[in-house]
Amino acid sequence: MTHISQALFAGDRAPSLRPGSDEHKHAFCRMLLDTFDPYKPVVIAWPQLDPDALKRLTGLPFWDVAMQTEGFASARVQRLADTIEDPLLKEAVSLNAFEEARHKNVLEHMVRSYGIALKEEPPCHAEKDAEWSFLRTGYGECFDSFFAFGLFELARRSGFFPKELMEVFEPVVREEGRHILFFVNWVAWTAAHKSLPGRVWFRLRCLAALAVNAVGRLGVVGDAGASDNFVAAGGESFTGDFNVREFLELCLSENDRRMAPYDGRLLRPVLIPNLIRLFLRFMPKKQ
């Protein structure tokens, strides 16, 4: 079970930090705390867009989902922070929640600045099980960030958005990378602090959280023409000629690039990248 769980949830290499140790906890918490960017959404100078760029921005189909996702993530992460007694871990998880809320704040300023119409946001109901809520949020971010890395680079290369707008969102994308790195190490640290039965149950909950998130995201590597396909819709918007294989390969390279700057002793989120690599092995060359 130990070898299987490490391959599934942590990485395919042996870490130099023992998961569950005080050194491990200090390293992944300080990684998040010491790389904090104190930017303030309220003072962001949103660049003026020409009519074509403004039309492209306002026409993207995912701003409603992005706003809801960040709001839900902030509430769920803070729910876990409220249950933690360890001072360092509580500080790190609370910062994670703050940054999720700030992401939503950035989007709120953007939609106001550019007049983007959104649907009414549904209420976020706090879940009683803080651990389960955090697992669902964390694995959801592992899925979303992997593909967002590729979409962001695709937009940059295609010139879909002005350079100045891309620079505004770079800190947000960078923070998502920090969040999933923190999350997979929190998972390993938390599992190590449970009894054997508790550890087995925790890993089963991890699998369940993965499954819940995967069910809602299976389309991202499927039919590129589906109207509700987030990745395909974004990719076609950015390029007009969306190639699934090339996009997934870009996601892999961007994931590696975004994880590279951080403490090499920490576990990396490799489950989604490894599943995509496996998928690409059996994917027809022409897509």
Protein backbone atom coordinates (compact mmCIF):
# COMPACT_ATOMS: atom_id res chain seq x y z
CA MET A 1 0.00 0.00 0.00
CA THR A 2 2.87 2.39 0.82
CA HIS A 3 4.56 2.02 -2.59
CA ILE A 4 1.27 2.22 -4.47
CA SER A 5 0.11 5.31 -2.59
CA GLN A 6 3.42 7.10 -3.15
CA ALA A 7 3.19 6.48 -6.89
CA LEU A 8 -0.42 7.60 -7.02
CA PHE A 9 -0.41 10.60 -4.76
CA ALA A 10 3.13 11.86 -4.30
CA GLY A 11 5.62 11.10 -7.02
CA ASP A 12 7.69 8.57 -8.87
CA ARG A 13 10.91 9.44 -7.10
CA ALA A 14 12.04 9.02 -3.51
CA PRO A 15 11.91 12.35 -1.66
CA SER A 16 14.91 13.45 0.39
CA LEU A 17 12.54 14.51 3.16
CA ARG A 18 10.71 11.84 5.12
CA PRO A 19 6.97 12.47 4.72
CA GLY A 20 5.47 13.21 8.12
CA SER A 21 8.68 14.51 9.66
CA ASP A 22 8.96 17.95 11.24
CA GLU A 23 11.53 18.82 8.59
CA HIS A 24 9.06 17.89 5.87
CA LYS A 25 6.29 19.99 7.44
CA HIS A 26 8.62 22.96 7.84
CA ALA A 27 9.79 22.70 4.22
CA PHE A 28 6.38 22.61 2.54
CA CYS A 29 4.90 25.24 4.84
CA ARG A 30 7.85 27.60 4.43
CA MET A 31 7.74 27.03 0.65
CA LEU A 32 4.26 28.58 0.63
CA LEU A 33 4.90 31.28 3.23
CA ASP A 34 8.28 32.43 1.96
CA THR A 35 7.18 32.77 -1.67
CA PHE A 36 4.14 34.92 -0.86
CA ASP A 37 3.59 37.77 -3.32
CA PRO A 38 1.96 40.78 -1.57
CA TYR A 39 0.29 42.23 -4.66
CA LYS A 40 -3.05 44.01 -4.12
CA PRO A 41 -5.87 43.51 -6.66
CA VAL A 42 -7.33 46.94 -5.88
CA VAL A 43 -4.25 48.73 -7.26
CA ILE A 44 -3.83 46.63 -10.41
CA ALA A 45 -3.65 48.88 -13.46
CA TRP A 46 -5.84 47.02 -15.94
CA PRO A 47 -4.54 47.72 -19.46
CA GLN A 48 -6.79 49.37 -22.00
CA LEU A 49 -7.82 46.84 -24.65
CA ASP A 50 -8.53 47.51 -28.28
CA PRO A 51 -12.03 46.49 -29.47
CA ASP A 52 -10.90 43.13 -30.86
CA ALA A 53 -8.99 42.14 -27.70
CA LEU A 54 -11.91 43.23 -25.53
CA LYS A 55 -14.30 41.14 -27.59
CA ARG A 56 -12.03 38.10 -27.27
CA LEU A 57 -11.78 38.55 -23.50
CA THR A 58 -15.48 39.05 -22.86
CA GLY A 59 -16.39 36.20 -25.21
CA LEU A 60 -14.49 33.51 -23.32
CA PRO A 61 -16.94 30.96 -21.88
CA PHE A 62 -15.42 30.24 -18.47
CA TRP A 63 -15.40 33.41 -16.33
CA ASP A 64 -18.51 32.31 -14.39
CA VAL A 65 -16.93 28.97 -13.52
CA ALA A 66 -13.61 30.60 -12.62
CA MET A 67 -15.27 33.02 -10.19
CA GLN A 68 -17.30 30.28 -8.52
CA THR A 69 -14.33 27.93 -8.28
CA GLU A 70 -12.10 30.47 -6.54
CA GLY A 71 -14.83 31.46 -4.12
CA PHE A 72 -15.61 27.87 -3.18
CA ALA A 73 -11.90 27.04 -2.86
CA SER A 74 -11.27 29.89 -0.46
CA ALA A 75 -14.16 28.89 1.82
CA ARG A 76 -13.20 25.23 1.84
CA VAL A 77 -9.49 25.82 2.50
CA GLN A 78 -10.31 28.23 5.32
CA ARG A 79 -12.64 25.60 6.76
CA LEU A 80 -9.62 23.31 7.18
CA ALA A 81 -7.44 26.10 8.57
CA ASP A 82 -10.01 26.71 11.29
CA THR A 83 -9.58 23.12 12.55
CA ILE A 84 -5.74 23.09 12.69
CA GLU A 85 -3.91 23.55 15.98
CA ASP A 86 -0.31 23.38 14.72
CA PRO A 87 0.73 27.09 14.40
CA LEU A 88 2.95 26.73 11.32
CA LEU A 89 0.54 24.52 9.40
CA LYS A 90 -2.40 26.75 10.35
CA GLU A 91 -0.53 29.82 9.08
CA ALA A 92 0.27 28.13 5.76
CA VAL A 93 -3.25 26.81 5.13
CA SER A 94 -4.73 30.20 6.11
CA LEU A 95 -2.44 31.87 3.56
CA ASN A 96 -3.62 29.37 0.96
CA ALA A 97 -7.22 30.39 1.70
CA PHE A 98 -6.31 34.09 1.55
CA GLU A 99 -4.70 33.66 -1.86
CA GLU A 100 -7.72 31.78 -3.21
CA ALA A 101 -9.95 34.65 -2.06
CA ARG A 102 -7.55 37.12 -3.66
CA HIS A 103 -7.79 35.26 -6.97
CA LYS A 104 -11.53 35.81 -6.91
CA ASN A 105 -10.93 39.45 -6.02
CA VAL A 106 -8.68 39.83 -9.08
CA LEU A 107 -11.41 38.37 -11.28
CA GLU A 108 -14.02 40.66 -9.71
CA HIS A 109 -11.91 43.71 -10.56
CA MET A 110 -11.35 42.41 -14.07
CA VAL A 111 -15.01 41.81 -14.87
CA ARG A 112 -15.89 45.27 -13.58
CA SER A 113 -13.06 46.89 -15.53
CA TYR A 114 -14.04 45.25 -18.83
CA GLY A 115 -17.80 45.02 -18.39
CA ILE A 116 -18.00 41.21 -18.46
CA ALA A 117 -21.50 39.94 -17.70
CA LEU A 118 -21.70 37.00 -15.30
CA LYS A 119 -24.51 34.77 -14.11
CA GLU A 120 -25.61 35.00 -10.50
CA GLU A 121 -23.18 33.09 -8.31
CA PRO A 122 -24.69 30.20 -6.32
CA PRO A 123 -24.20 30.22 -2.54
CA CYS A 124 -21.27 28.27 -1.12
CA HIS A 125 -22.40 26.04 1.73
CA ALA A 126 -19.70 25.11 4.23
CA GLU A 127 -19.12 21.36 4.48
CA LYS A 128 -18.88 19.84 7.92
CA ASP A 129 -16.02 17.50 7.02
CA ALA A 130 -13.10 19.93 6.61
CA GLU A 131 -10.60 17.25 5.57
CA TRP A 132 -12.85 15.88 2.83
CA SER A 133 -13.61 19.38 1.62
CA PHE A 134 -9.89 20.20 1.37
CA LEU A 135 -9.19 16.93 -0.46
CA ARG A 136 -11.87 17.70 -3.04
CA THR A 137 -10.55 21.23 -3.50
CA GLY A 138 -6.91 20.18 -3.68
CA TYR A 139 -7.37 17.43 -6.23
CA GLY A 140 -9.66 19.70 -8.24
CA GLU A 141 -6.86 22.26 -8.36
CA CYS A 142 -4.39 19.57 -9.42
CA PHE A 143 -6.60 18.88 -12.46
CA ASP A 144 -7.40 22.51 -13.23
CA SER A 145 -3.91 23.93 -12.74
CA PHE A 146 -2.30 21.34 -15.00
CA PHE A 147 -4.52 22.38 -17.91
CA ALA A 148 -4.49 26.06 -16.95
CA PHE A 149 -0.70 26.09 -17.26
CA GLY A 150 -1.04 24.96 -20.86
CA LEU A 151 -3.89 27.33 -21.68
CA PHE A 152 -2.00 30.28 -20.24
CA GLU A 153 1.08 29.54 -22.34
CA LEU A 154 -1.11 28.89 -25.38
CA ALA A 155 -2.68 32.32 -24.96
CA ARG A 156 0.74 33.93 -24.55
CA ARG A 157 2.20 32.30 -27.66
CA SER A 158 -0.81 33.05 -29.81
CA GLY A 159 -0.98 36.71 -28.77
CA PHE A 160 -4.64 36.18 -27.87
CA PHE A 161 -4.26 38.71 -25.02
CA PRO A 162 -1.96 41.74 -24.86
CA LYS A 163 1.32 41.15 -23.03
CA GLU A 164 0.27 43.61 -20.29
CA LEU A 165 -2.83 41.54 -19.46
CA MET A 166 -0.83 38.32 -19.36
CA GLU A 167 1.53 39.94 -16.86
CA VAL A 168 -1.41 40.80 -14.59
CA PHE A 169 -2.45 37.14 -14.38
CA GLU A 170 1.03 35.64 -14.10
CA PRO A 171 1.08 35.90 -10.26
CA VAL A 172 -2.29 34.12 -10.10
CA VAL A 173 -1.08 31.23 -12.26
CA ARG A 174 2.16 31.05 -10.28
CA GLU A 175 0.22 30.83 -7.02
CA GLU A 176 -1.85 27.92 -8.29
CA GLY A 177 1.41 26.03 -8.84
CA ARG A 178 2.44 26.73 -5.24
CA HIS A 179 -0.95 25.59 -3.99
CA ILE A 180 -0.87 22.17 -5.62
CA LEU A 181 2.73 21.64 -4.53
CA PHE A 182 1.70 22.45 -0.96
CA PHE A 183 -1.34 20.19 -1.25
CA VAL A 184 0.44 16.99 -2.34
CA ASN A 185 2.96 17.41 0.46
CA TRP A 186 0.17 18.06 2.96
CA VAL A 187 -1.46 14.81 1.79
CA ALA A 188 1.76 12.84 2.33
CA TRP A 189 2.41 14.50 5.70
CA THR A 190 -1.17 13.93 6.89
CA ALA A 191 -1.17 10.27 5.82
CA ALA A 192 2.08 9.65 7.70
CA HIS A 193 0.51 10.93 10.93
CA LYS A 194 -2.37 8.47 10.87
CA SER A 195 -2.54 4.94 12.23
CA LEU A 196 -2.43 2.14 9.66
CA PRO A 197 -6.24 1.78 9.49
CA GLY A 198 -6.58 5.56 9.43
CA ARG A 199 -4.00 5.82 6.68
CA VAL A 200 -5.80 3.26 4.53
CA TRP A 201 -9.09 5.12 5.04
CA PHE A 202 -7.42 8.45 4.25
CA ARG A 203 -5.97 7.08 1.00
CA LEU A 204 -9.38 5.73 0.04
CA ARG A 205 -10.81 9.19 0.63
CA CYS A 206 -8.06 10.59 -1.59
CA LEU A 207 -9.11 8.19 -4.34
CA ALA A 208 -12.75 9.18 -3.87
CA ALA A 209 -11.86 12.88 -4.09
CA LEU A 210 -9.90 12.17 -7.26
CA ALA A 211 -12.83 10.27 -8.72
CA VAL A 212 -15.30 13.05 -7.91
CA ASN A 213 -13.10 15.58 -9.68
CA ALA A 214 -12.28 13.31 -12.60
CA VAL A 215 -15.94 12.62 -13.40
CA GLY A 216 -16.51 16.30 -14.05
CA ARG A 217 -13.36 16.69 -16.12
CA LEU A 218 -13.23 13.62 -18.37
CA GLY A 219 -14.12 15.73 -21.37
CA VAL A 220 -10.89 17.71 -21.30
CA VAL A 221 -9.04 14.97 -23.15
CA GLY A 222 -12.02 13.80 -25.15
CA ASP A 223 -14.17 15.48 -27.77
CA ALA A 224 -12.49 18.76 -28.63
CA GLY A 225 -15.70 19.99 -30.20
CA ALA A 226 -17.90 19.58 -27.16
CA SER A 227 -19.55 22.84 -26.17
CA ASP A 228 -19.02 22.22 -22.46
CA ASN A 229 -15.37 21.20 -22.82
CA PHE A 230 -13.39 23.84 -20.85
CA VAL A 231 -9.99 23.06 -22.37
CA ALA A 232 -11.20 22.63 -25.93
CA ALA A 233 -13.27 25.80 -25.74
CA GLY A 234 -10.33 27.75 -24.40
CA GLY A 235 -7.87 26.20 -26.83
CA GLU A 236 -10.03 26.86 -29.88
CA SER A 237 -10.61 30.41 -28.67
CA PHE A 238 -6.86 31.00 -28.38
CA THR A 239 -5.72 29.34 -31.60
CA GLY A 240 -8.69 28.59 -33.86
CA ASP A 241 -7.05 25.23 -34.70
CA PHE A 242 -6.93 23.20 -31.51
CA ASN A 243 -4.66 20.14 -31.53
CA VAL A 244 -5.28 17.98 -28.45
CA ARG A 245 -1.94 16.13 -28.52
CA GLU A 246 0.12 19.28 -28.91
CA PHE A 247 -1.85 20.98 -26.16
CA LEU A 248 -1.36 18.11 -23.70
CA GLU A 249 2.36 18.02 -24.46
CA LEU A 250 2.47 21.75 -23.78
CA CYS A 251 0.68 21.21 -20.46
CA LEU A 252 3.32 18.64 -19.48
CA SER A 253 6.24 20.92 -20.30
CA GLU A 254 4.63 23.91 -18.58
CA ASN A 255 3.87 21.82 -15.49
CA ASP A 256 7.54 20.83 -15.26
CA ARG A 257 8.65 24.43 -15.75
CA ARG A 258 6.32 25.80 -13.09
CA MET A 259 7.33 23.20 -10.50
CA ALA A 260 11.08 23.58 -11.14
CA PRO A 261 11.82 26.70 -9.02
CA TYR A 262 10.70 25.20 -5.72
CA ASP A 263 12.48 23.11 -3.09
CA GLY A 264 13.63 19.97 -4.88
CA ARG A 265 13.24 17.92 -1.70
CA LEU A 266 9.47 18.29 -1.83
CA LEU A 267 7.11 15.86 -3.52
CA ARG A 268 5.68 16.99 -6.85
CA PRO A 269 2.08 16.57 -8.09
CA VAL A 270 2.68 13.87 -10.68
CA LEU A 271 -0.56 11.87 -10.82
CA ILE A 272 -2.22 14.00 -13.51
CA PRO A 273 0.98 14.38 -15.59
CA ASN A 274 1.58 10.63 -15.42
CA LEU A 275 -2.00 9.85 -16.46
CA ILE A 276 -1.66 12.27 -19.39
CA ARG A 277 1.62 10.66 -20.46
CA LEU A 278 -0.11 7.27 -20.36
CA PHE A 279 -3.02 8.68 -22.35
CA LEU A 280 -0.67 10.09 -24.99
CA ARG A 281 0.98 6.68 -25.45
CA PHE A 282 -2.33 5.25 -26.69
CA MET A 283 -3.62 8.39 -28.40
CA PRO A 284 -3.55 8.34 -32.21
CA LYS A 285 -0.86 10.61 -33.62
CA LYS A 286 -3.33 12.65 -35.64
CA GLN A 287 -5.79 14.55 -33.43
